[in-house]
Protein backbone atom coordinates (compact mmCIF):
# COMPACT_ATOMS: atom_id res chain seq x y z
CA UNK A 1 -8.90 13.12 2.18
CA UNK A 2 -12.25 11.66 1.30
CA UNK A 3 -14.80 11.19 4.08
CA UNK A 4 -17.30 8.37 3.89
CA UNK A 5 -20.15 8.85 6.35
CA UNK A 6 -21.54 5.34 6.63
CA UNK A 7 -21.29 1.71 5.57
CA UNK A 8 -24.30 2.33 3.33
CA UNK A 9 -22.44 5.14 1.57
CA UNK A 10 -19.38 2.94 1.24
CA UNK A 11 -21.39 0.19 -0.46
CA UNK A 12 -22.45 2.72 -3.10
CA UNK A 13 -18.78 2.97 -4.15
CA UNK A 14 -18.21 -0.71 -5.01
CA UNK A 15 -16.43 -1.01 -8.33
CA UNK A 16 -15.11 2.58 -8.32
CA UNK A 17 -11.82 4.23 -7.56
CA UNK A 18 -12.57 5.74 -4.17
CA UNK A 19 -9.41 7.65 -3.32
CA UNK A 20 -5.75 8.28 -4.05
CA UNK A 21 -3.31 8.44 -1.15
CA UNK A 22 -0.72 11.06 -0.51
CA UNK A 23 2.85 10.49 -1.64
CA UNK A 24 5.24 8.49 0.53
CA UNK A 25 8.97 9.08 0.20
CA UNK A 26 11.38 6.14 0.09
CA UNK A 27 14.77 7.47 1.24
CA UNK A 28 17.64 5.11 2.05
CA UNK A 29 16.96 5.64 5.76
CA UNK A 30 13.46 4.12 5.39
CA UNK A 31 14.86 1.17 3.45
CA UNK A 32 17.54 0.63 6.11
CA UNK A 33 15.00 0.76 8.95
CA UNK A 34 12.84 -1.80 7.15
CA UNK A 35 15.90 -4.03 6.67
CA UNK A 36 16.62 -3.80 10.40
CA UNK A 37 13.02 -4.56 11.35
CA UNK A 38 12.78 -7.60 9.06
CA UNK A 39 16.38 -8.90 9.06
CA UNK A 40 16.40 -8.64 5.26
CA UNK A 41 19.80 -7.07 4.56
CA UNK A 42 20.20 -8.10 0.92
CA UNK A 43 22.80 -5.85 -0.69
CA UNK A 44 20.45 -4.63 -3.44
CA UNK A 45 18.52 -2.82 -0.70
CA UNK A 46 21.17 -1.69 1.78
CA UNK A 47 24.53 -1.36 0.02
CA UNK A 48 24.51 1.73 -2.22
CA UNK A 49 28.10 1.22 -3.44
CA UNK A 50 27.56 -2.38 -4.48
CA UNK A 51 24.12 -1.61 -5.95
CA UNK A 52 25.68 1.16 -8.07
CA UNK A 53 28.10 -1.39 -9.52
CA UNK A 54 26.12 -4.64 -9.69
CA UNK A 55 22.41 -3.86 -9.64
CA UNK A 56 20.51 -3.60 -12.93
CA UNK A 57 18.98 -0.42 -11.46
CA UNK A 58 22.30 1.31 -10.69
CA UNK A 59 21.18 2.12 -7.14
CA UNK A 60 19.47 0.51 -4.18
CA UNK A 61 15.79 -0.39 -4.39
CA UNK A 62 13.16 -0.76 -1.70
CA UNK A 63 12.03 -4.19 -0.55
CA UNK A 64 8.76 -5.23 -2.17
CA UNK A 65 7.42 -5.92 1.30
CA UNK A 66 8.31 -2.36 2.36
CA UNK A 67 6.04 -1.09 -0.39
CA UNK A 68 3.37 -3.55 0.68
CA UNK A 69 3.67 -2.51 4.33
CA UNK A 70 2.65 1.03 3.38
CA UNK A 71 -0.86 -0.03 2.27
CA UNK A 72 -2.54 0.68 5.66
CA UNK A 73 -0.91 4.13 5.82
CA UNK A 74 -1.94 4.84 2.24
CA UNK A 75 -5.53 3.93 3.05
CA UNK A 76 -5.47 6.09 6.19
CA UNK A 77 -4.04 9.07 4.27
CA UNK A 78 -6.66 8.77 1.53
CA UNK A 79 -9.98 8.32 3.30
CA UNK A 80 -11.85 8.46 6.56
CA UNK A 81 -14.78 6.20 7.35
CA UNK A 82 -16.62 8.41 9.82
CA UNK A 83 -18.80 5.75 11.47
CA UNK A 84 -15.97 3.22 11.85
CA UNK A 85 -14.83 2.73 15.45
CA UNK A 86 -12.28 0.01 14.63
CA UNK A 87 -10.56 -1.35 11.53
CA UNK A 88 -8.43 -4.49 11.27
CA UNK A 89 -6.05 -5.63 8.56
CA UNK A 90 -7.39 -9.03 7.51
CA UNK A 91 -5.06 -10.13 4.74
CA UNK A 92 -4.02 -9.87 1.13
CA UNK A 93 -4.84 -11.59 -2.13
CA UNK A 94 -3.02 -11.60 -5.45
CA UNK A 95 0.03 -9.51 -4.50
CA UNK A 96 2.51 -8.66 -7.26
CA UNK A 97 5.51 -6.33 -7.56
CA UNK A 98 5.69 -5.52 -11.28
CA UNK A 99 8.20 -2.68 -11.00
CA UNK A 100 11.09 -1.57 -8.78
CA UNK A 101 11.09 1.28 -6.27
CA UNK A 102 14.51 2.94 -6.56
CA UNK A 103 15.86 4.80 -3.54
CA UNK A 104 14.47 8.35 -3.18
CA UNK A 105 11.32 7.51 -5.14
CA UNK A 106 7.85 8.58 -4.08
CA UNK A 107 4.93 6.16 -4.17
CA UNK A 108 1.18 6.45 -3.69
CA UNK A 109 -1.81 4.13 -3.78
CA UNK A 110 -4.93 4.21 -5.92
CA UNK A 111 -7.77 2.55 -4.01
CA UNK A 112 -10.71 0.87 -5.71
CA UNK A 113 -13.39 -0.76 -3.59
CA UNK A 114 -13.83 -4.26 -5.02
CA UNK A 115 -16.41 -5.60 -2.56
CA UNK A 116 -18.11 -5.20 0.80
CA UNK A 117 -19.29 -8.31 2.62
CA UNK A 118 -21.46 -8.09 5.74
CA UNK A 119 -20.15 -10.19 8.63
CA UNK A 120 -22.33 -12.02 11.19
CA UNK A 121 -20.86 -10.02 14.07
CA UNK A 122 -22.11 -6.72 12.63
CA UNK A 123 -18.88 -5.76 10.91
CA UNK A 124 -18.04 -5.76 7.24
CA UNK A 125 -15.14 -7.11 5.23
CA UNK A 126 -13.84 -4.73 2.58
CA UNK A 127 -11.72 -5.78 -0.37
CA UNK A 128 -9.65 -2.91 -1.74
CA UNK A 129 -7.94 -3.16 -5.09
CA UNK A 130 -4.74 -1.19 -4.62
CA UNK A 131 -2.37 -0.09 -7.35
CA UNK A 132 0.79 1.50 -5.98
CA UNK A 133 2.39 3.81 -8.48
CA UNK A 134 5.83 5.39 -8.49
CA UNK A 135 6.12 9.04 -9.37
CA UNK A 136 7.45 9.39 -12.91
CA UNK A 137 6.75 5.80 -13.95
CA UNK A 138 3.88 4.38 -15.98
CA UNK A 139 4.38 0.89 -14.53
CA UNK A 140 2.88 0.07 -11.11
CA UNK A 141 5.27 -1.07 -8.38
CA UNK A 142 2.72 -3.11 -6.42
CA UNK A 143 -0.73 -4.44 -7.21
CA UNK A 144 -2.72 -6.17 -4.48
CA UNK A 145 -6.13 -6.90 -3.07
CA UNK A 146 -6.04 -5.61 0.51
CA UNK A 147 -8.65 -7.04 2.89
CA UNK A 148 -9.78 -5.20 5.97
CA UNK A 149 -12.57 -5.58 8.46
CA UNK A 150 -14.42 -2.58 9.81
CA UNK A 151 -16.67 -2.24 12.80
CA UNK A 152 -19.05 0.65 13.44
């Protein structure tokens, strides 16, 4: 895990890859729990027998939004902003899912700091370019700009 001592130090990293998260496993149980939480029970995600027969992937695949929902955890596993007392998810820009996440895959995020904008209330808005990669694949499974606000 990378530690960043201050907002000043963070600003020095704009335009660079700052950290790479740990790996996150995507077993069927995680996919099923996500389906329950979101009421998205499409067979390609939750029916292994049907997916084996009818899916172009030959097995179930994770929801794109499941992959997306892991971005905060990926950020937290990759870096610590020492002087931050509170962080808030603020939104997303330009989200794409260019590749599938088959069941039992492992994914991780590569985090590049795109920008830091000072806010009038003393906080800062950070824009993270995140590329989520799947172990064993050259094609990313999610690419997004993840916005967060941090307060010291």
